[in-house]
């Protein structure tokens, strides 16, 4: 299947309602299920990809019937293609493309996806990890690398996106990180 053009995210406070909403989203539109799982703090996260119209229809179905269980939802119509491998934790760095380290931490999985997309659209950075909620107490974390100037610009934009949602925890730029910080990704 080709890389989806759009991504939709729904974060719920109820696992049971999450299963029902996941089913409704998949029946409402032709979308690819990218992530559907329980996450820390007893929440449920659903991430789908596909055409803009189908993703919008799936998320609308979710928000229309999720009621008070909906914590947050998001549709990114033209998601940056680097978001998908970073979500799948399949990005491998080499010595040539590991520079400054940028870290943006958010209070939710939904907000970190929005922040990650904004970051890679704003500067020449390599987004190499989007970590959502597991072993993070429900938080989100994205990691990026590139030149110091590009990482600073991308982190600033990502942090502003999370801040506008009221969900920014931290924004960090390490200009010359030790090699050990990247070992897991090299």
N, C-alpha and C. Protein backbone atom coordinates (compact mmCIF):
# COMPACT_ATOMS: atom_id res chain seq x y z
N UNK A 1 0.85 -1.18 0.00
CA UNK A 1 0.00 0.00 0.00
C UNK A 1 0.89 1.24 0.00
N UNK A 2 0.58 2.25 -0.83
CA UNK A 2 1.38 3.47 -0.84
C UNK A 2 1.28 4.21 0.48
N UNK A 3 2.27 5.07 0.73
CA UNK A 3 2.25 5.87 1.96
C UNK A 3 1.00 6.74 1.98
N UNK A 4 0.25 6.69 3.07
CA UNK A 4 -0.96 7.52 3.15
C UNK A 4 -0.64 9.01 3.05
N UNK A 5 -1.58 9.76 2.54
CA UNK A 5 -1.43 11.21 2.42
C UNK A 5 -1.89 11.92 3.68
N UNK A 6 -2.70 11.25 4.46
CA UNK A 6 -3.32 11.88 5.63
C UNK A 6 -3.23 10.92 6.80
N UNK A 7 -3.21 11.49 8.00
CA UNK A 7 -3.17 10.67 9.21
C UNK A 7 -4.24 11.19 10.17
N UNK A 8 -4.89 10.27 10.84
CA UNK A 8 -5.89 10.62 11.84
C UNK A 8 -5.58 9.93 13.14
N UNK A 9 -5.80 10.64 14.24
CA UNK A 9 -5.48 10.10 15.57
C UNK A 9 -6.67 10.36 16.48
N UNK A 10 -7.02 9.35 17.26
CA UNK A 10 -8.04 9.49 18.29
C UNK A 10 -7.48 8.87 19.56
N UNK A 11 -7.51 9.63 20.64
CA UNK A 11 -7.03 9.18 21.94
C UNK A 11 -8.23 9.16 22.89
N UNK A 12 -8.43 8.01 23.55
CA UNK A 12 -9.61 7.81 24.39
C UNK A 12 -9.24 7.46 25.82
N UNK A 13 -10.11 7.82 26.74
CA UNK A 13 -9.89 7.52 28.15
C UNK A 13 -10.38 6.13 28.54
N UNK A 14 -11.11 5.46 27.65
CA UNK A 14 -11.68 4.15 27.93
C UNK A 14 -11.18 3.13 26.92
N UNK A 15 -10.68 2.03 27.40
CA UNK A 15 -10.20 0.97 26.52
C UNK A 15 -11.37 0.30 25.80
N UNK A 16 -12.45 0.00 26.54
CA UNK A 16 -13.62 -0.62 25.93
C UNK A 16 -14.22 0.24 24.83
N UNK A 17 -14.39 1.53 25.12
CA UNK A 17 -14.91 2.45 24.10
C UNK A 17 -13.91 2.53 22.95
N UNK A 18 -12.63 2.43 23.25
CA UNK A 18 -11.60 2.45 22.21
C UNK A 18 -11.79 1.34 21.19
N UNK A 19 -12.06 0.13 21.66
CA UNK A 19 -12.30 -0.98 20.72
C UNK A 19 -13.52 -0.71 19.85
N UNK A 20 -14.58 -0.18 20.45
CA UNK A 20 -15.80 0.12 19.69
C UNK A 20 -15.53 1.20 18.65
N UNK A 21 -14.82 2.25 19.06
CA UNK A 21 -14.51 3.35 18.15
C UNK A 21 -13.60 2.89 17.02
N UNK A 22 -12.62 2.06 17.34
CA UNK A 22 -11.73 1.51 16.31
C UNK A 22 -12.55 0.79 15.24
N UNK A 23 -13.48 -0.04 15.68
CA UNK A 23 -14.34 -0.77 14.75
C UNK A 23 -15.16 0.19 13.90
N UNK A 24 -15.73 1.21 14.53
CA UNK A 24 -16.54 2.19 13.81
C UNK A 24 -15.71 2.96 12.78
N UNK A 25 -14.47 3.31 13.14
CA UNK A 25 -13.61 4.03 12.21
C UNK A 25 -13.29 3.19 10.98
N UNK A 26 -12.99 1.91 11.22
CA UNK A 26 -12.63 1.02 10.11
C UNK A 26 -13.82 0.72 9.21
N UNK A 27 -15.01 0.75 9.76
CA UNK A 27 -16.22 0.53 8.96
C UNK A 27 -16.69 1.80 8.26
N UNK A 28 -16.33 2.95 8.79
CA UNK A 28 -16.80 4.23 8.25
C UNK A 28 -16.07 4.65 6.99
N UNK A 29 -14.83 4.19 6.81
CA UNK A 29 -14.04 4.67 5.68
C UNK A 29 -12.93 3.67 5.36
N UNK A 30 -12.39 3.79 4.17
CA UNK A 30 -11.29 2.93 3.74
C UNK A 30 -9.98 3.54 4.23
N UNK A 31 -9.59 3.15 5.45
CA UNK A 31 -8.35 3.64 6.05
C UNK A 31 -7.48 2.47 6.45
N UNK A 32 -6.19 2.74 6.57
CA UNK A 32 -5.23 1.74 7.03
C UNK A 32 -5.02 1.94 8.52
N UNK A 33 -5.19 0.89 9.28
CA UNK A 33 -4.95 0.95 10.72
C UNK A 33 -3.44 0.91 10.96
N UNK A 34 -2.89 1.99 11.49
CA UNK A 34 -1.46 2.09 11.73
C UNK A 34 -1.10 1.72 13.17
N UNK A 35 -1.90 2.17 14.12
CA UNK A 35 -1.70 1.85 15.53
C UNK A 35 -3.08 1.74 16.17
N UNK A 36 -3.27 0.73 16.97
CA UNK A 36 -4.48 0.61 17.80
C UNK A 36 -4.06 -0.21 19.00
N UNK A 37 -3.97 0.46 20.15
CA UNK A 37 -3.48 -0.26 21.33
C UNK A 37 -3.79 0.51 22.61
N UNK A 38 -3.73 -0.25 23.68
CA UNK A 38 -3.82 0.39 24.98
C UNK A 38 -2.50 1.12 25.21
N UNK A 39 -2.60 2.23 25.90
CA UNK A 39 -1.41 2.99 26.23
C UNK A 39 -1.45 3.31 27.72
N UNK A 40 -0.33 3.77 28.23
CA UNK A 40 -0.24 4.05 29.66
C UNK A 40 -1.36 4.95 30.14
N UNK A 41 -1.60 4.83 31.39
CA UNK A 41 -2.66 5.55 32.10
C UNK A 41 -4.04 5.03 31.73
N UNK A 42 -4.12 3.80 31.20
CA UNK A 42 -5.41 3.19 30.91
C UNK A 42 -6.15 3.81 29.74
N UNK A 43 -5.40 4.35 28.78
CA UNK A 43 -6.01 4.99 27.61
C UNK A 43 -5.92 4.05 26.41
N UNK A 44 -6.59 4.45 25.33
CA UNK A 44 -6.55 3.70 24.07
C UNK A 44 -6.25 4.69 22.96
N UNK A 45 -5.32 4.33 22.07
CA UNK A 45 -4.89 5.20 20.98
C UNK A 45 -5.15 4.51 19.65
N UNK A 46 -5.73 5.26 18.72
CA UNK A 46 -5.99 4.75 17.38
C UNK A 46 -5.38 5.73 16.39
N UNK A 47 -4.55 5.21 15.47
CA UNK A 47 -3.95 6.02 14.42
C UNK A 47 -4.26 5.35 13.09
N UNK A 48 -4.86 6.12 12.17
CA UNK A 48 -5.19 5.59 10.85
C UNK A 48 -4.57 6.48 9.78
N UNK A 49 -4.37 5.89 8.61
CA UNK A 49 -3.84 6.64 7.48
C UNK A 49 -4.67 6.36 6.24
N UNK A 50 -4.58 7.24 5.27
CA UNK A 50 -5.30 7.07 4.02
C UNK A 50 -5.49 8.39 3.31
N UNK A 51 -6.46 8.42 2.42
CA UNK A 51 -6.76 9.67 1.73
C UNK A 51 -7.34 10.66 2.73
N UNK A 52 -7.26 11.93 2.41
CA UNK A 52 -7.76 12.97 3.31
C UNK A 52 -9.24 12.73 3.62
N UNK A 53 -10.05 12.49 2.59
CA UNK A 53 -11.49 12.31 2.79
C UNK A 53 -11.79 11.10 3.67
N UNK A 54 -11.09 10.00 3.45
CA UNK A 54 -11.35 8.80 4.25
C UNK A 54 -10.90 8.97 5.70
N UNK A 55 -9.76 9.60 5.91
CA UNK A 55 -9.29 9.82 7.28
C UNK A 55 -10.23 10.78 8.00
N UNK A 56 -10.64 11.83 7.33
CA UNK A 56 -11.60 12.75 7.95
C UNK A 56 -12.90 12.04 8.31
N UNK A 57 -13.39 11.16 7.44
CA UNK A 57 -14.63 10.43 7.71
C UNK A 57 -14.46 9.50 8.90
N UNK A 58 -13.31 8.82 8.98
CA UNK A 58 -13.07 7.90 10.09
C UNK A 58 -12.99 8.64 11.42
N UNK A 59 -12.27 9.75 11.45
CA UNK A 59 -12.14 10.52 12.69
C UNK A 59 -13.47 11.16 13.07
N UNK A 60 -14.22 11.60 12.08
CA UNK A 60 -15.54 12.17 12.36
C UNK A 60 -16.47 11.11 12.96
N UNK A 61 -16.40 9.88 12.46
CA UNK A 61 -17.20 8.78 13.03
C UNK A 61 -16.82 8.57 14.49
N UNK A 62 -15.52 8.64 14.77
CA UNK A 62 -15.04 8.43 16.14
C UNK A 62 -15.51 9.54 17.07
N UNK A 63 -15.30 10.76 16.65
CA UNK A 63 -15.65 11.89 17.52
C UNK A 63 -17.16 12.03 17.67
N UNK A 64 -17.90 11.55 16.68
CA UNK A 64 -19.36 11.62 16.75
C UNK A 64 -19.98 10.64 17.72
N UNK A 65 -19.28 9.55 18.01
CA UNK A 65 -19.87 8.55 18.91
C UNK A 65 -19.03 8.26 20.15
N UNK A 66 -17.86 8.88 20.25
CA UNK A 66 -16.98 8.61 21.39
C UNK A 66 -17.38 9.30 22.67
N UNK A 67 -18.16 10.35 22.56
CA UNK A 67 -18.64 11.06 23.74
C UNK A 67 -17.52 11.54 24.64
N UNK A 68 -17.74 11.39 25.94
CA UNK A 68 -16.79 11.88 26.93
C UNK A 68 -15.50 11.06 26.98
N UNK A 69 -15.46 9.92 26.30
CA UNK A 69 -14.24 9.11 26.28
C UNK A 69 -13.16 9.71 25.38
N UNK A 70 -13.53 10.61 24.49
CA UNK A 70 -12.55 11.23 23.59
C UNK A 70 -11.71 12.23 24.38
N UNK A 71 -10.41 11.97 24.44
CA UNK A 71 -9.48 12.90 25.08
C UNK A 71 -9.02 13.94 24.06
N UNK A 72 -8.65 13.45 22.87
CA UNK A 72 -8.14 14.34 21.84
C UNK A 72 -8.27 13.62 20.50
N UNK A 73 -8.35 14.40 19.43
CA UNK A 73 -8.36 13.84 18.09
C UNK A 73 -7.66 14.81 17.16
N UNK A 74 -7.27 14.30 16.01
CA UNK A 74 -6.44 15.09 15.10
C UNK A 74 -6.55 14.50 13.71
N UNK A 75 -6.61 15.37 12.70
CA UNK A 75 -6.44 14.98 11.31
C UNK A 75 -5.37 15.88 10.73
N UNK A 76 -4.34 15.28 10.14
CA UNK A 76 -3.32 16.04 9.42
C UNK A 76 -3.49 15.68 7.95
N UNK A 77 -4.03 16.60 7.14
CA UNK A 77 -4.37 16.29 5.75
C UNK A 77 -3.17 15.89 4.88
N UNK A 78 -2.09 16.59 4.95
CA UNK A 78 -0.92 16.28 4.13
C UNK A 78 0.27 16.02 5.04
N UNK A 79 0.23 14.89 5.70
CA UNK A 79 1.25 14.55 6.67
C UNK A 79 2.60 14.35 5.97
N UNK A 80 3.66 14.78 6.63
CA UNK A 80 5.00 14.59 6.08
C UNK A 80 5.33 13.11 6.06
N UNK A 81 5.93 12.64 4.98
CA UNK A 81 6.18 11.20 4.82
C UNK A 81 7.12 10.62 5.88
N UNK A 82 7.93 11.43 6.52
CA UNK A 82 8.85 10.90 7.54
C UNK A 82 8.17 10.58 8.86
N UNK A 83 6.91 10.99 9.03
CA UNK A 83 6.19 10.69 10.27
C UNK A 83 5.95 9.18 10.39
N UNK A 84 5.64 8.51 9.28
CA UNK A 84 5.29 7.09 9.33
C UNK A 84 6.45 6.20 9.79
N UNK A 85 7.65 6.31 9.21
CA UNK A 85 8.74 5.46 9.71
C UNK A 85 9.13 5.79 11.15
N UNK A 86 9.03 7.06 11.54
CA UNK A 86 9.36 7.43 12.92
C UNK A 86 8.33 6.85 13.89
N UNK A 87 7.06 6.81 13.49
CA UNK A 87 6.02 6.18 14.31
C UNK A 87 6.27 4.69 14.45
N UNK A 88 6.72 4.08 13.35
CA UNK A 88 7.01 2.65 13.36
C UNK A 88 8.35 2.31 13.97
N UNK A 89 9.07 3.34 14.42
CA UNK A 89 10.38 3.19 15.04
C UNK A 89 11.33 2.38 14.15
N UNK A 90 11.26 2.68 12.83
CA UNK A 90 12.09 1.94 11.88
C UNK A 90 13.17 2.79 11.24
N UNK A 91 13.45 3.97 11.79
CA UNK A 91 14.48 4.84 11.24
C UNK A 91 15.83 4.47 11.86
N UNK A 92 16.80 4.21 10.99
CA UNK A 92 18.16 3.90 11.45
C UNK A 92 19.05 5.06 11.01
N UNK A 93 19.77 5.61 11.94
CA UNK A 93 20.69 6.71 11.64
C UNK A 93 22.07 6.16 11.30
N UNK A 94 22.85 6.95 10.57
CA UNK A 94 24.26 6.63 10.39
C UNK A 94 25.05 7.84 10.90
N UNK A 95 26.35 7.68 10.97
CA UNK A 95 27.17 8.76 11.51
C UNK A 95 27.01 10.07 10.74
N UNK A 96 26.73 9.98 9.43
CA UNK A 96 26.61 11.18 8.62
C UNK A 96 25.36 11.98 8.90
N UNK A 97 24.27 11.33 9.34
CA UNK A 97 23.05 12.10 9.56
C UNK A 97 22.64 12.16 11.03
N UNK A 98 23.63 12.10 11.91
CA UNK A 98 23.35 12.33 13.32
C UNK A 98 24.14 13.55 13.77
N UNK A 99 23.42 14.63 13.99
CA UNK A 99 24.03 15.90 14.41
C UNK A 99 23.49 16.31 15.76
N UNK A 100 22.96 17.51 15.82
CA UNK A 100 22.34 17.98 17.06
C UNK A 100 21.12 17.10 17.36
N UNK A 101 20.77 17.01 18.63
CA UNK A 101 19.61 16.22 19.04
C UNK A 101 18.51 17.15 19.51
N UNK A 102 17.31 16.97 18.96
CA UNK A 102 16.15 17.73 19.39
C UNK A 102 15.15 16.79 20.03
N UNK A 103 14.58 17.20 21.15
CA UNK A 103 13.60 16.39 21.88
C UNK A 103 12.41 17.29 22.21
N UNK A 104 11.22 16.79 21.87
CA UNK A 104 9.99 17.47 22.27
C UNK A 104 9.14 16.44 23.00
N UNK A 105 8.71 16.81 24.20
CA UNK A 105 7.93 15.92 25.06
C UNK A 105 6.57 16.57 25.29
N UNK A 106 5.52 15.77 25.15
CA UNK A 106 4.16 16.28 25.30
C UNK A 106 3.39 15.43 26.31
N UNK A 107 2.24 15.94 26.71
CA UNK A 107 1.39 15.22 27.66
C UNK A 107 0.49 14.19 26.98
N UNK A 108 0.50 14.08 25.64
CA UNK A 108 -0.36 13.10 24.99
C UNK A 108 0.27 12.57 23.71
N UNK A 109 -0.22 11.43 23.27
CA UNK A 109 0.24 10.84 22.01
C UNK A 109 -0.23 11.64 20.81
N UNK A 110 -1.43 12.14 20.88
CA UNK A 110 -1.98 12.92 19.77
C UNK A 110 -1.16 14.18 19.53
N UNK A 111 -0.84 14.89 20.60
CA UNK A 111 -0.10 16.15 20.44
C UNK A 111 1.31 15.94 19.93
N UNK A 112 1.95 14.82 20.26
CA UNK A 112 3.31 14.61 19.77
C UNK A 112 3.31 14.30 18.27
N UNK A 113 2.26 13.70 17.77
CA UNK A 113 2.18 13.47 16.32
C UNK A 113 2.03 14.80 15.60
N UNK A 114 1.16 15.66 16.10
CA UNK A 114 1.01 17.00 15.51
C UNK A 114 2.32 17.78 15.57
N UNK A 115 3.01 17.72 16.70
CA UNK A 115 4.28 18.43 16.86
C UNK A 115 5.35 17.87 15.93
N UNK A 116 5.40 16.56 15.78
CA UNK A 116 6.40 15.93 14.91
C UNK A 116 6.20 16.35 13.46
N UNK A 117 4.96 16.33 13.00
CA UNK A 117 4.67 16.74 11.62
C UNK A 117 5.07 18.19 11.41
N UNK A 118 4.72 19.05 12.34
CA UNK A 118 5.08 20.47 12.23
C UNK A 118 6.60 20.65 12.18
N UNK A 119 7.31 19.87 12.98
CA UNK A 119 8.78 19.98 13.03
C UNK A 119 9.42 19.67 11.69
N UNK A 120 9.06 18.52 11.10
CA UNK A 120 9.72 18.12 9.86
C UNK A 120 9.30 18.95 8.66
N UNK A 121 8.17 19.63 8.78
CA UNK A 121 7.76 20.52 7.70
C UNK A 121 8.45 21.89 7.79
N UNK A 122 9.05 22.17 8.94
CA UNK A 122 9.61 23.51 9.16
C UNK A 122 11.11 23.61 8.92
N UNK A 123 11.83 22.49 8.95
CA UNK A 123 13.29 22.55 8.84
C UNK A 123 13.83 21.22 8.31
N UNK A 124 15.08 21.23 7.90
CA UNK A 124 15.72 20.01 7.38
C UNK A 124 16.25 19.19 8.54
N UNK A 125 15.39 18.38 9.11
CA UNK A 125 15.78 17.49 10.19
C UNK A 125 15.37 16.07 9.84
N UNK A 126 16.03 15.13 10.49
CA UNK A 126 15.63 13.73 10.38
C UNK A 126 14.85 13.38 11.63
N UNK A 127 13.58 13.08 11.46
CA UNK A 127 12.74 12.64 12.55
C UNK A 127 12.98 11.14 12.68
N UNK A 128 13.56 10.72 13.81
CA UNK A 128 13.91 9.30 13.88
C UNK A 128 13.15 8.52 14.94
N UNK A 129 12.34 9.18 15.75
CA UNK A 129 11.56 8.43 16.72
C UNK A 129 10.36 9.24 17.16
N UNK A 130 9.19 8.63 17.11
CA UNK A 130 8.00 9.16 17.76
C UNK A 130 7.58 8.06 18.72
N UNK A 131 7.68 8.34 19.98
CA UNK A 131 7.36 7.35 21.02
C UNK A 131 6.07 7.82 21.69
N UNK A 132 5.07 6.95 21.68
CA UNK A 132 3.76 7.34 22.18
C UNK A 132 3.38 6.52 23.40
N UNK A 133 3.34 7.15 24.53
CA UNK A 133 2.65 6.73 25.74
C UNK A 133 3.14 5.48 26.45
N UNK A 134 3.65 4.49 25.79
CA UNK A 134 4.06 3.27 26.48
C UNK A 134 5.33 3.54 27.27
N UNK A 135 5.28 3.23 28.53
CA UNK A 135 6.38 3.44 29.48
C UNK A 135 6.70 4.92 29.64
N UNK A 136 5.74 5.77 29.30
CA UNK A 136 5.93 7.22 29.43
C UNK A 136 4.82 7.86 30.25
N UNK A 137 3.99 7.07 30.87
CA UNK A 137 2.90 7.63 31.65
C UNK A 137 1.88 8.37 30.81
N UNK A 138 1.69 7.94 29.56
CA UNK A 138 0.72 8.58 28.68
C UNK A 138 1.27 9.73 27.88
N UNK A 139 2.54 10.06 28.04
CA UNK A 139 3.15 11.18 27.32
C UNK A 139 3.56 10.76 25.90
N UNK A 140 3.97 11.75 25.12
CA UNK A 140 4.54 11.53 23.80
C UNK A 140 5.92 12.14 23.74
N UNK A 141 6.76 11.59 22.89
CA UNK A 141 8.14 12.04 22.77
C UNK A 141 8.55 11.92 21.32
N UNK A 142 9.16 12.98 20.76
CA UNK A 142 9.74 12.85 19.43
C UNK A 142 11.20 13.28 19.48
N UNK A 143 11.99 12.57 18.69
CA UNK A 143 13.43 12.82 18.61
C UNK A 143 13.80 13.13 17.17
N UNK A 144 14.65 14.13 16.99
CA UNK A 144 15.08 14.52 15.65
C UNK A 144 16.55 14.92 15.69
N UNK A 145 17.16 14.90 14.51
CA UNK A 145 18.56 15.29 14.41
C UNK A 145 18.78 16.08 13.13
N UNK A 146 19.87 16.83 13.10
CA UNK A 146 20.23 17.65 11.95
C UNK A 146 21.22 18.70 12.40
N UNK A 147 21.38 19.75 11.60
CA UNK A 147 22.27 20.83 12.01
C UNK A 147 21.67 21.51 13.24
N UNK A 148 22.51 22.19 13.99
CA UNK A 148 22.04 22.87 15.20
C UNK A 148 20.93 23.87 14.84
N UNK A 149 21.13 24.66 13.79
CA UNK A 149 20.13 25.66 13.40
C UNK A 149 18.81 25.01 13.00
N UNK A 150 18.88 23.95 12.21
CA UNK A 150 17.65 23.27 11.79
C UNK A 150 16.94 22.61 12.96
N UNK A 151 17.69 21.97 13.84
CA UNK A 151 17.07 21.33 15.00
C UNK A 151 16.43 22.37 15.91
N UNK A 152 17.10 23.49 16.12
CA UNK A 152 16.50 24.55 16.95
C UNK A 152 15.20 25.05 16.33
N UNK A 153 15.21 25.26 15.02
CA UNK A 153 14.00 25.75 14.34
C UNK A 153 12.87 24.72 14.43
N UNK A 154 13.19 23.47 14.19
CA UNK A 154 12.16 22.42 14.21
C UNK A 154 11.61 22.21 15.62
N UNK A 155 12.47 22.22 16.61
CA UNK A 155 12.01 22.06 18.01
C UNK A 155 11.13 23.24 18.40
N UNK A 156 11.50 24.43 17.99
CA UNK A 156 10.70 25.60 18.32
C UNK A 156 9.29 25.49 17.72
N UNK A 157 9.19 25.08 16.47
CA UNK A 157 7.89 24.93 15.81
C UNK A 157 7.09 23.80 16.46
N UNK A 158 7.75 22.68 16.73
CA UNK A 158 7.06 21.54 17.36
C UNK A 158 6.56 21.92 18.75
N UNK A 159 7.39 22.61 19.50
CA UNK A 159 7.00 23.02 20.85
C UNK A 159 5.82 23.98 20.80
N UNK A 160 5.81 24.87 19.83
CA UNK A 160 4.69 25.81 19.70
C UNK A 160 3.40 25.07 19.37
N UNK A 161 3.48 24.06 18.53
CA UNK A 161 2.29 23.25 18.21
C UNK A 161 1.75 22.59 19.47
N UNK A 162 2.62 21.97 20.25
CA UNK A 162 2.17 21.32 21.50
C UNK A 162 1.69 22.36 22.51
N UNK A 163 2.38 23.48 22.59
CA UNK A 163 1.99 24.55 23.51
C UNK A 163 0.61 25.09 23.16
N UNK A 164 0.31 25.22 21.87
CA UNK A 164 -0.99 25.74 21.45
C UNK A 164 -2.13 24.82 21.86
N UNK A 165 -1.82 23.54 22.08
CA UNK A 165 -2.80 22.56 22.54
C UNK A 165 -2.78 22.46 24.08
N UNK A 166 -1.88 23.20 24.71
CA UNK A 166 -1.76 23.15 26.17
C UNK A 166 -1.10 21.89 26.67
N UNK A 167 -0.26 21.26 25.83
CA UNK A 167 0.26 19.93 26.18
C UNK A 167 1.78 19.80 26.10
N UNK A 168 2.50 20.90 26.08
CA UNK A 168 3.97 20.83 26.04
C UNK A 168 4.53 20.51 27.42
N UNK A 169 5.43 19.54 27.48
CA UNK A 169 6.15 19.21 28.71
C UNK A 169 7.55 19.82 28.65
N UNK A 170 8.28 19.53 27.57
CA UNK A 170 9.63 20.08 27.46
C UNK A 170 10.06 20.16 26.00
N UNK A 171 11.03 21.04 25.77
CA UNK A 171 11.67 21.19 24.46
C UNK A 171 13.17 21.32 24.71
N UNK A 172 13.93 20.43 24.10
CA UNK A 172 15.37 20.35 24.38
C UNK A 172 16.15 20.31 23.07
N UNK A 173 17.24 21.06 23.00
CA UNK A 173 18.18 20.96 21.89
C UNK A 173 19.55 20.72 22.50
N UNK A 174 20.20 19.65 22.09
CA UNK A 174 21.56 19.34 22.53
C UNK A 174 22.45 19.50 21.30
N UNK A 175 23.25 20.58 21.22
CA UNK A 175 24.03 20.86 20.01
C UNK A 175 25.05 19.78 19.66
N UNK A 176 25.75 19.26 20.63
CA UNK A 176 26.77 18.25 20.36
C UNK A 176 26.57 17.06 21.31
N UNK A 177 25.59 16.22 21.03
CA UNK A 177 25.31 15.11 21.94
C UNK A 177 26.41 14.06 21.89
N UNK A 178 26.60 13.38 22.99
CA UNK A 178 27.57 12.29 23.01
C UNK A 178 27.06 11.17 22.10
N UNK A 179 27.97 10.45 21.53
CA UNK A 179 27.63 9.36 20.61
C UNK A 179 26.71 8.33 21.28
N UNK A 180 26.87 8.13 22.59
CA UNK A 180 26.07 7.15 23.32
C UNK A 180 24.57 7.47 23.27
N UNK A 181 24.21 8.74 23.17
CA UNK A 181 22.80 9.09 23.07
C UNK A 181 22.16 8.53 21.80
N UNK A 182 22.95 8.36 20.74
CA UNK A 182 22.44 7.86 19.47
C UNK A 182 22.69 6.37 19.26
N UNK A 183 23.45 5.72 20.13
CA UNK A 183 23.86 4.32 19.89
C UNK A 183 22.70 3.40 19.54
N UNK A 184 21.58 3.57 20.20
CA UNK A 184 20.42 2.72 19.97
C UNK A 184 19.88 2.88 18.53
N UNK A 185 20.18 4.01 17.90
CA UNK A 185 19.61 4.30 16.57
C UNK A 185 20.61 4.17 15.44
N UNK A 186 21.91 4.01 15.75
CA UNK A 186 22.95 3.89 14.71
C UNK A 186 23.09 2.46 14.24
